[in-house]
N, C-alpha and C. Protein backbone atom coordinates (compact mmCIF):
# COMPACT_ATOMS: atom_id res chain seq x y z
N MET A 1 160.04 135.36 52.87
CA MET A 1 159.56 135.93 51.52
C MET A 1 158.52 134.92 51.23
N ILE A 2 157.61 135.40 50.16
CA ILE A 2 155.61 134.75 49.98
C ILE A 2 156.54 134.25 48.34
N ASN A 3 156.00 133.54 47.72
CA ASN A 3 156.97 132.85 46.53
C ASN A 3 155.52 132.24 45.80
N PHE A 4 154.83 133.37 45.10
CA PHE A 4 153.81 133.17 44.04
C PHE A 4 154.35 132.41 42.98
N ARG A 5 155.50 131.52 42.80
CA ARG A 5 155.59 130.52 42.05
C ARG A 5 154.50 129.19 42.61
N ASN A 6 153.36 128.90 41.44
CA ASN A 6 152.52 127.63 41.44
C ASN A 6 151.77 128.11 42.73
N ALA A 7 151.70 129.28 43.02
CA ALA A 7 150.42 129.14 43.74
C ALA A 7 149.03 129.90 43.27
N LEU A 8 148.08 129.86 44.56
CA LEU A 8 146.53 130.71 44.44
C LEU A 8 146.93 131.62 44.66
N LEU A 9 146.83 132.79 43.44
CA LEU A 9 146.41 134.44 44.71
C LEU A 9 145.21 134.67 44.18
N LEU A 10 144.34 135.29 45.53
CA LEU A 10 143.59 135.43 45.30
C LEU A 10 143.69 137.07 45.21
N ILE A 11 143.35 138.03 45.13
CA ILE A 11 143.16 139.67 45.31
C ILE A 11 141.93 139.78 44.98
N SER A 12 142.03 140.71 46.34
CA SER A 12 140.33 140.97 47.35
C SER A 12 140.42 142.19 47.83
N LEU A 13 139.10 143.24 48.44
CA LEU A 13 139.29 143.95 49.08
C LEU A 13 138.89 143.83 50.72
N ILE A 14 138.95 142.59 50.92
CA ILE A 14 138.46 141.61 52.10
C ILE A 14 139.75 141.87 52.88
N GLY A 15 140.74 140.92 52.74
CA GLY A 15 141.55 140.39 53.75
C GLY A 15 142.15 142.05 54.35
N CYS A 16 142.13 142.52 55.04
CA CYS A 16 142.00 144.10 54.95
C CYS A 16 143.55 144.03 55.47
N GLY A 17 143.56 143.61 56.69
CA GLY A 17 145.10 143.78 57.58
C GLY A 17 146.45 142.79 57.55
N GLN A 18 147.73 143.24 57.70
CA GLN A 18 148.60 142.65 57.20
C GLN A 18 148.36 141.20 58.51
N ASN A 19 148.49 141.36 59.77
CA ASN A 19 148.25 140.34 59.93
C ASN A 19 147.03 139.06 59.71
N HIS A 20 146.13 139.32 59.18
CA HIS A 20 145.18 138.76 57.94
C HIS A 20 146.00 137.86 57.22
N VAL A 21 147.38 138.82 56.37
CA VAL A 21 147.82 137.84 55.60
C VAL A 21 148.64 136.69 55.86
N ASP A 22 149.14 137.27 56.75
CA ASP A 22 150.37 136.19 57.45
C ASP A 22 150.22 135.08 58.33
N LEU A 23 148.44 135.40 58.33
CA LEU A 23 148.37 134.56 59.46
C LEU A 23 147.91 133.10 57.84
N ILE A 24 147.21 133.39 56.94
CA ILE A 24 146.65 133.01 55.86
C ILE A 24 147.93 131.96 55.48
N SER A 25 148.79 132.79 55.40
CA SER A 25 150.39 132.50 54.56
C SER A 25 150.53 131.55 55.64
N SER A 26 150.66 131.26 56.82
CA SER A 26 151.04 131.03 57.56
C SER A 26 150.79 129.38 57.15
N ILE A 27 149.36 129.09 56.89
CA ILE A 27 149.19 128.01 57.28
C ILE A 27 149.12 127.22 56.10
N ASP A 28 149.14 127.83 54.90
CA ASP A 28 149.64 127.32 53.53
C ASP A 28 150.09 128.47 52.65
N GLU A 29 151.51 128.29 52.39
CA GLU A 29 152.46 129.34 51.56
C GLU A 29 151.86 129.08 50.37
N ASN A 30 150.77 128.37 49.82
CA ASN A 30 150.50 127.88 48.46
C ASN A 30 149.34 129.21 48.28
N ILE A 31 148.41 129.48 49.43
CA ILE A 31 148.01 130.31 49.04
C ILE A 31 148.72 131.78 48.95
N VAL A 32 147.47 132.85 48.52
CA VAL A 32 148.19 134.06 48.89
C VAL A 32 147.55 135.03 48.59
N ILE A 33 146.57 136.01 49.97
CA ILE A 33 145.60 136.65 49.41
C ILE A 33 146.30 138.35 49.44
N ILE A 34 146.08 138.93 48.75
CA ILE A 34 146.21 140.20 48.38
C ILE A 34 145.29 141.25 48.52
N ASN A 35 145.51 142.30 49.20
CA ASN A 35 144.00 143.15 49.36
C ASN A 35 144.86 144.64 48.94
N VAL A 36 143.89 144.80 47.88
CA VAL A 36 144.55 146.16 46.97
C VAL A 36 143.51 147.05 47.71
N GLY A 37 142.79 147.04 48.54
CA GLY A 37 142.42 148.43 49.48
C GLY A 37 141.14 148.88 48.04
N LYS A 38 141.73 150.09 48.23
CA LYS A 38 140.65 150.87 47.04
C LYS A 38 141.64 151.33 46.10
N SER A 39 142.02 150.81 45.91
CA SER A 39 143.20 151.25 44.24
C SER A 39 142.34 151.08 42.83
N GLU A 40 142.46 152.02 41.85
CA GLU A 40 142.31 152.43 41.14
C GLU A 40 142.60 151.41 40.18
N ARG A 41 142.33 151.17 39.12
CA ARG A 41 142.31 150.08 38.10
C ARG A 41 143.96 149.77 37.00
N LYS A 42 144.15 151.36 36.61
CA LYS A 42 145.25 151.32 36.47
C LYS A 42 146.53 150.50 37.13
N LYS A 43 146.82 150.54 38.43
CA LYS A 43 147.70 150.20 39.79
C LYS A 43 147.04 149.05 40.17
N ILE A 44 145.86 148.02 39.89
CA ILE A 44 145.95 147.45 39.85
C ILE A 44 146.69 146.78 38.59
N SER A 45 146.31 147.18 37.94
CA SER A 45 146.57 146.26 37.00
C SER A 45 147.73 146.53 36.61
N LEU A 46 148.89 147.08 37.35
CA LEU A 46 150.89 146.70 37.31
C LEU A 46 151.08 145.96 38.40
N GLY A 47 149.64 146.07 39.38
CA GLY A 47 150.28 145.21 40.28
C GLY A 47 150.27 143.33 40.07
N LEU A 48 148.69 143.47 38.74
CA LEU A 48 148.63 142.02 38.47
C LEU A 48 150.10 141.81 37.15
N LYS A 49 150.37 142.54 36.29
CA LYS A 49 151.82 142.10 36.31
C LYS A 49 153.03 141.81 35.84
N GLN A 50 153.34 142.57 37.62
CA GLN A 50 154.09 141.87 38.40
C GLN A 50 154.19 140.17 39.24
N ILE A 51 152.64 140.20 39.63
CA ILE A 51 152.38 138.89 39.74
C ILE A 51 152.63 138.00 39.29
N ASN A 52 152.30 138.61 37.76
CA ASN A 52 152.24 137.15 36.34
C ASN A 52 153.36 136.64 36.21
N LYS A 53 154.74 137.90 37.24
CA LYS A 53 155.67 137.72 36.05
C LYS A 53 156.42 135.95 36.90
N TYR A 54 155.81 135.80 38.35
CA TYR A 54 155.90 134.86 38.45
C TYR A 54 155.39 133.51 38.90
N ASP A 55 154.83 133.59 37.45
CA ASP A 55 153.73 132.38 37.54
C ASP A 55 153.25 131.55 37.66
N PRO A 56 152.07 132.22 38.86
CA PRO A 56 150.90 131.82 39.31
C PRO A 56 150.42 130.91 38.95
N LYS A 57 150.15 129.33 39.69
CA LYS A 57 149.05 128.37 39.04
C LYS A 57 147.65 129.22 38.64
N VAL A 58 146.88 130.05 39.62
CA VAL A 58 146.03 130.45 39.53
C VAL A 58 145.35 131.50 39.86
N VAL A 59 145.17 132.88 39.30
CA VAL A 59 145.09 134.04 40.00
C VAL A 59 143.30 134.26 39.86
N GLY A 60 142.59 134.95 40.90
CA GLY A 60 141.32 134.69 41.63
C GLY A 60 141.10 136.42 42.21
N ILE A 61 140.48 137.13 41.01
CA ILE A 61 140.30 138.52 41.67
C ILE A 61 138.82 138.74 41.79
N ASP A 62 138.77 138.58 43.06
CA ASP A 62 137.50 139.09 44.25
C ASP A 62 136.83 140.33 44.14
N LEU A 63 136.57 140.88 42.91
CA LEU A 63 136.76 142.35 42.47
C LEU A 63 135.77 142.90 41.59
N PHE A 64 134.90 143.14 41.60
CA PHE A 64 133.90 143.04 40.64
C PHE A 64 134.05 144.41 39.64
N PHE A 65 134.29 144.58 38.45
CA PHE A 65 134.75 145.80 36.99
C PHE A 65 132.99 146.30 36.85
N PHE A 66 132.94 146.87 37.42
CA PHE A 66 131.45 147.93 36.99
C PHE A 66 132.11 148.57 35.61
N GLY A 67 131.14 148.36 34.85
CA GLY A 67 131.50 149.37 33.53
C GLY A 67 132.72 149.63 33.25
N ARG A 68 132.68 150.59 32.43
CA ARG A 68 134.24 151.26 32.10
C ARG A 68 133.78 152.78 33.11
N THR A 69 135.04 153.08 33.43
CA THR A 69 135.95 154.09 34.21
C THR A 69 136.65 155.14 32.87
N ASN A 70 137.58 154.38 32.47
CA ASN A 70 138.32 155.41 32.03
C ASN A 70 139.20 154.52 30.57
N SER A 71 138.66 154.45 29.64
CA SER A 71 139.21 153.98 28.41
C SER A 71 140.73 153.46 28.72
N PHE A 72 141.69 154.52 28.97
CA PHE A 72 143.13 154.26 29.01
C PHE A 72 143.00 152.96 30.14
N SER A 73 142.71 153.48 31.31
CA SER A 73 142.86 152.28 32.08
C SER A 73 141.87 150.62 32.05
N ASP A 74 140.79 151.06 31.44
CA ASP A 74 140.63 150.08 31.39
C ASP A 74 141.02 148.90 30.50
N SER A 75 141.32 149.60 29.33
CA SER A 75 142.37 149.01 28.27
C SER A 75 143.90 148.42 28.97
N VAL A 76 144.59 149.01 29.96
CA VAL A 76 145.40 148.53 30.70
C VAL A 76 145.21 147.00 31.11
N LEU A 77 143.87 147.76 31.93
CA LEU A 77 144.04 146.05 33.08
C LEU A 77 143.20 145.58 32.60
N ALA A 78 142.53 144.97 31.00
CA ALA A 78 142.02 144.52 30.67
C ALA A 78 143.33 143.50 30.35
N HIS A 79 144.28 144.24 29.24
CA HIS A 79 144.89 143.95 28.89
C HIS A 79 146.16 142.71 30.19
N SER A 80 146.35 143.46 31.43
CA SER A 80 146.45 142.94 32.18
C SER A 80 145.96 141.71 32.81
N ILE A 81 144.83 141.22 32.70
CA ILE A 81 144.11 140.54 32.88
C ILE A 81 144.02 139.04 32.30
N SER A 82 144.56 139.19 30.81
CA SER A 82 144.13 138.91 29.72
C SER A 82 145.56 137.72 29.14
N GLU A 83 146.90 138.46 30.39
CA GLU A 83 147.73 137.68 29.97
C GLU A 83 147.38 136.80 30.89
N ILE A 84 147.17 136.95 32.01
CA ILE A 84 147.36 135.70 33.24
C ILE A 84 146.13 134.49 32.10
N GLU A 85 147.52 133.74 32.62
CA GLU A 85 147.60 132.23 32.17
C GLU A 85 145.72 131.53 32.41
N ASN A 86 145.56 131.60 34.04
CA ASN A 86 145.04 131.03 34.45
C ASN A 86 143.59 132.49 35.22
N VAL A 87 142.69 132.54 35.50
CA VAL A 87 142.68 133.98 35.92
C VAL A 87 140.83 133.11 36.08
N VAL A 88 140.57 134.25 37.62
CA VAL A 88 139.55 133.79 37.63
C VAL A 88 138.76 134.83 37.95
N LEU A 89 137.67 135.54 37.69
CA LEU A 89 137.14 136.24 37.54
C LEU A 89 135.59 136.84 38.58
N ALA A 90 135.45 137.69 39.50
CA ALA A 90 134.12 137.97 39.80
C ALA A 90 133.02 138.14 39.32
N ALA A 91 131.79 137.23 39.48
CA ALA A 91 130.31 137.53 38.81
C ALA A 91 129.56 137.47 40.07
N TYR A 92 128.16 138.03 40.47
CA TYR A 92 127.87 137.93 40.98
C TYR A 92 126.28 137.46 40.40
N LEU A 93 125.03 136.85 41.61
CA LEU A 93 123.44 136.83 41.16
C LEU A 93 123.07 138.26 41.59
N ASP A 94 122.51 139.08 40.63
CA ASP A 94 121.36 140.49 40.97
C ASP A 94 119.27 139.74 42.06
N ASP A 95 119.15 140.97 42.10
CA ASP A 95 118.32 140.59 42.70
C ASP A 95 117.00 139.43 41.93
N LEU A 96 117.25 139.67 40.80
CA LEU A 96 116.26 138.38 39.85
C LEU A 96 117.11 137.19 39.80
N ASN A 97 118.20 136.83 40.32
CA ASN A 97 119.29 135.73 40.11
C ASN A 97 119.20 135.60 39.08
N ALA A 98 119.40 136.49 38.32
CA ALA A 98 120.80 137.00 37.14
C ALA A 98 121.98 136.81 36.95
N ILE A 99 122.79 135.80 36.49
CA ILE A 99 124.25 136.68 36.86
C ILE A 99 124.38 137.63 36.37
N GLN A 100 125.19 138.76 36.54
CA GLN A 100 126.11 139.82 36.31
C GLN A 100 127.31 139.78 35.79
N TRP A 101 128.29 139.65 34.63
CA TRP A 101 129.38 139.36 34.39
C TRP A 101 129.62 140.81 34.59
N PRO A 102 131.09 141.02 34.68
CA PRO A 102 132.29 142.13 34.75
C PRO A 102 131.51 142.93 33.07
N ASP A 103 132.08 144.19 32.76
CA ASP A 103 132.09 144.36 31.57
C ASP A 103 132.71 143.57 30.73
N SER A 104 132.55 143.94 29.48
CA SER A 104 132.32 142.71 28.62
C SER A 104 134.33 143.01 28.13
N ILE A 105 134.91 144.40 28.41
CA ILE A 105 136.12 143.87 27.52
C ILE A 105 136.88 143.56 28.64
N PHE A 106 136.60 142.60 30.42
CA PHE A 106 137.49 142.20 30.69
C PHE A 106 137.44 140.91 30.64
N LEU A 107 136.59 140.25 29.86
CA LEU A 107 136.53 138.38 29.07
C LEU A 107 137.38 138.55 28.46
N PHE A 108 137.38 137.41 28.72
CA PHE A 108 137.91 136.85 27.46
C PHE A 108 137.65 135.35 26.25
N PRO A 109 137.59 134.50 25.64
CA PRO A 109 137.05 133.56 25.32
C PRO A 109 138.38 132.50 25.88
């Protein structure tokens, strides 16, 4: 069983297979990668709430939330993100080398 307490969690679309997760967790049990696939924002929110119960040291979310999709699911996801003590959200550089941040509903001071 993977212990989330004091772990670095990276939530991503990339680390696809279960074997990939096992390989990484066997190298360092303090780093956990969770593949969310093409999950909807509401489902990602529920997962974040579960993960946050284990008091992870930091949660990195390697997903970019383009704009708003549904006011209810966006609000639920934003609330779940805001409850995580140490969270890192993805950003990227566009073609003009300008930083593109997720929609403002997901950003907190």
